[in-house]
């Protein structure tokens, strides 16, 4: 297996994962974890008694959705309701994905990318803006001491307290524009 999507799923619910690679007996597999299970687990494609290489798969208890294109401009930002995990891909070099959500004054929001931890080449950049696109916060590299240099700190983590009630936009891109 050289590639799979999504890289994670909600525990207690079956997740259909598409896989690509060589000599695979099928192009998808279903991952089901017990309710409440969280963390990163290895998954592989099974063919009788044979098994492919293992890839990392993230499990969580939060609701999940899949990124929906086109969402690269403010008017087309994908609406999401917090808390949520979004499974997505950078579709082409230079692609940015925007997510729109409603927030309350004083609410602390956290946005975190789990890409390098799951062997994705993404070097993420998160930016938070107001509904008109005015800059509020950003994060490029987040040092996750639990992963050491495995990730080269390429996964972003943004924590921000919202200044007022309203609509906000979370922008996600690749710093290498790949």
Protein backbone atom coordinates (compact mmCIF):
# COMPACT_ATOMS: atom_id res chain seq x y z
CA UNK A 1 0.00 0.00 0.00
CA UNK A 2 1.43 3.36 -1.01
CA UNK A 3 -1.54 5.56 -0.19
CA UNK A 4 -4.84 5.51 1.66
CA UNK A 5 -7.67 7.93 2.36
CA UNK A 6 -9.01 8.90 4.79
CA UNK A 7 -6.20 8.62 7.31
CA UNK A 8 -8.62 8.34 10.22
CA UNK A 9 -12.12 7.54 11.37
CA UNK A 10 -14.57 7.72 14.24
CA UNK A 11 -14.32 4.91 16.74
CA UNK A 12 -17.43 2.74 16.88
CA UNK A 13 -18.37 3.46 13.26
CA UNK A 14 -17.09 1.64 10.18
CA UNK A 15 -14.83 3.75 7.94
CA UNK A 16 -14.32 2.78 4.31
CA UNK A 17 -10.75 3.54 3.30
CA UNK A 18 -9.55 3.66 -0.31
CA UNK A 19 -6.10 2.19 -0.88
CA UNK A 20 -3.63 2.40 -3.75
CA UNK A 21 -0.45 0.47 -4.35
CA UNK A 22 0.85 -2.65 -6.04
CA UNK A 23 -0.50 -6.20 -6.08
CA UNK A 24 -3.48 -5.35 -3.89
CA UNK A 25 -6.45 -7.74 -3.98
CA UNK A 26 -8.86 -4.82 -3.46
CA UNK A 27 -9.01 -1.02 -3.64
CA UNK A 28 -10.72 -0.43 -0.29
CA UNK A 29 -10.99 -1.79 3.20
CA UNK A 30 -13.26 -1.13 6.13
CA UNK A 31 -11.79 -0.13 9.48
CA UNK A 32 -14.00 -0.57 12.53
CA UNK A 33 -12.77 0.13 16.04
CA UNK A 34 -14.63 -0.36 19.27
CA UNK A 35 -16.60 2.58 20.62
CA UNK A 36 -14.45 4.96 22.64
CA UNK A 37 -11.13 3.74 21.24
CA UNK A 38 -8.71 6.59 20.49
CA UNK A 39 -5.19 6.76 19.14
CA UNK A 40 -3.17 5.70 16.15
CA UNK A 41 -3.40 2.10 14.98
CA UNK A 42 -1.79 0.19 12.11
CA UNK A 43 -4.03 -1.03 9.27
CA UNK A 44 -3.25 -3.26 6.30
CA UNK A 45 -4.95 -5.00 3.40
CA UNK A 46 -5.60 -8.70 4.00
CA UNK A 47 -5.62 -11.39 1.32
CA UNK A 48 -6.18 -14.77 2.92
CA UNK A 49 -3.25 -15.35 5.23
CA UNK A 50 -1.20 -12.63 3.57
CA UNK A 51 -1.05 -9.04 4.68
CA UNK A 52 0.23 -5.85 3.07
CA UNK A 53 2.51 -3.34 4.71
CA UNK A 54 0.91 -1.40 7.53
CA UNK A 55 -0.09 2.25 7.40
CA UNK A 56 -1.09 4.45 10.33
CA UNK A 57 -4.76 5.23 10.95
CA UNK A 58 -6.06 7.74 13.53
CA UNK A 59 -9.09 6.92 15.66
CA UNK A 60 -11.05 9.43 17.68
CA UNK A 61 -14.45 9.84 19.29
CA UNK A 62 -15.29 13.22 17.75
CA UNK A 63 -17.70 13.49 14.81
CA UNK A 64 -16.00 13.43 11.41
CA UNK A 65 -16.60 14.73 7.91
CA UNK A 66 -14.79 14.78 4.59
CA UNK A 67 -13.53 17.95 2.99
CA UNK A 68 -15.69 19.00 0.07
CA UNK A 69 -14.30 20.88 -2.94
CA UNK A 70 -14.47 23.57 -4.12
CA UNK A 71 -13.64 25.30 -0.85
CA UNK A 72 -10.64 27.44 -1.73
CA UNK A 73 -12.32 30.88 -1.66
CA UNK A 74 -14.15 32.70 1.13
CA UNK A 75 -17.58 32.49 -0.56
CA UNK A 76 -17.09 28.74 -1.08
CA UNK A 77 -15.68 27.89 2.37
CA UNK A 78 -17.02 24.58 3.66
CA UNK A 79 -19.37 25.05 6.62
CA UNK A 80 -18.51 22.95 9.67
CA UNK A 81 -19.89 22.74 13.20
CA UNK A 82 -17.38 22.45 16.04
CA UNK A 83 -16.11 20.14 17.41
CA UNK A 84 -15.29 18.07 14.33
CA UNK A 85 -12.49 16.22 12.59
CA UNK A 86 -12.17 16.97 8.88
CA UNK A 87 -10.53 14.39 6.62
CA UNK A 88 -9.16 16.06 3.53
CA UNK A 89 -6.46 16.39 0.93
CA UNK A 90 -4.56 19.20 -0.70
CA UNK A 91 -5.90 18.61 -4.20
CA UNK A 92 -3.24 20.34 -6.29
CA UNK A 93 -0.08 22.41 -5.78
CA UNK A 94 -1.02 25.74 -4.22
CA UNK A 95 -4.48 24.53 -3.10
CA UNK A 96 -5.92 26.09 0.05
CA UNK A 97 -8.95 24.68 1.85
CA UNK A 98 -11.25 27.00 3.81
CA UNK A 99 -13.68 26.00 6.55
CA UNK A 100 -16.35 28.32 7.95
CA UNK A 101 -17.68 28.01 11.49
CA UNK A 102 -19.68 30.03 13.99
CA UNK A 103 -18.02 31.04 17.23
CA UNK A 104 -18.82 32.85 20.45
CA UNK A 105 -16.89 35.61 22.20
CA UNK A 106 -14.42 34.06 24.66
CA UNK A 107 -14.65 30.59 23.08
CA UNK A 108 -11.26 28.90 22.77
CA UNK A 109 -10.90 27.01 19.52
CA UNK A 110 -8.18 24.51 18.72
CA UNK A 111 -7.29 23.41 15.19
CA UNK A 112 -4.66 20.74 14.76
CA UNK A 113 -3.33 18.91 11.73
CA UNK A 114 -2.36 15.24 11.96
CA UNK A 115 -0.59 14.63 8.68
CA UNK A 116 3.11 13.91 9.23
CA UNK A 117 2.18 11.79 12.24
CA UNK A 118 0.29 9.61 9.77
CA UNK A 119 3.11 9.58 7.17
CA UNK A 120 1.61 12.24 4.90
CA UNK A 121 4.14 14.54 3.22
CA UNK A 122 1.99 17.62 4.01
CA UNK A 123 3.83 20.52 5.68
CA UNK A 124 0.71 22.27 6.92
CA UNK A 125 -0.04 25.91 7.60
CA UNK A 126 -3.17 26.97 9.51
CA UNK A 127 -4.54 30.51 9.45
CA UNK A 128 -7.58 31.86 11.29
CA UNK A 129 -9.42 34.89 9.94
CA UNK A 130 -12.71 36.65 10.49
CA UNK A 131 -15.51 36.25 7.94
CA UNK A 132 -14.04 38.98 5.72
CA UNK A 133 -10.58 37.43 5.71
CA UNK A 134 -8.88 39.71 8.26
CA UNK A 135 -5.98 37.85 9.89
CA UNK A 136 -6.34 36.70 13.52
CA UNK A 137 -3.79 33.91 14.08
CA UNK A 138 -1.58 31.37 12.31
CA UNK A 139 0.67 28.40 12.95
CA UNK A 140 3.13 26.70 10.66
CA UNK A 141 5.22 24.32 12.74
CA UNK A 142 4.14 22.90 16.08
CA UNK A 143 6.66 21.11 18.24
CA UNK A 144 5.04 17.89 19.46
CA UNK A 145 7.55 16.46 21.93
CA UNK A 146 5.73 13.12 21.89
CA UNK A 147 6.74 12.63 18.26
CA UNK A 148 10.23 14.12 18.42
CA UNK A 149 11.70 14.80 15.00
CA UNK A 150 9.57 12.12 13.28
CA UNK A 151 7.25 14.87 12.08
CA UNK A 152 9.95 17.57 11.65
CA UNK A 153 7.33 19.69 13.47
CA UNK A 154 5.43 19.98 10.16
CA UNK A 155 1.97 19.46 11.70
CA UNK A 156 0.28 22.73 12.66
CA UNK A 157 -1.53 23.48 15.92
CA UNK A 158 -3.49 26.67 16.48
CA UNK A 159 -5.22 27.68 19.71
CA UNK A 160 -7.10 30.97 19.84
CA UNK A 161 -9.73 32.70 21.97
CA UNK A 162 -12.38 34.27 19.75
CA UNK A 163 -12.80 38.05 20.26
CA UNK A 164 -16.54 38.23 19.44
CA UNK A 165 -19.59 36.29 18.33
CA UNK A 166 -19.58 35.64 14.60
CA UNK A 167 -18.38 33.70 11.62
CA UNK A 168 -14.74 32.64 11.35
CA UNK A 169 -12.65 30.97 8.66
CA UNK A 170 -9.94 28.39 9.10
CA UNK A 171 -7.53 28.23 6.14
CA UNK A 172 -5.39 25.14 5.58
CA UNK A 173 -2.56 24.90 3.06
CA UNK A 174 0.83 23.36 2.40
CA UNK A 175 3.81 25.62 3.09
CA UNK A 176 5.67 23.88 0.26
CA UNK A 177 2.70 24.40 -2.10
CA UNK A 178 2.77 20.72 -3.06
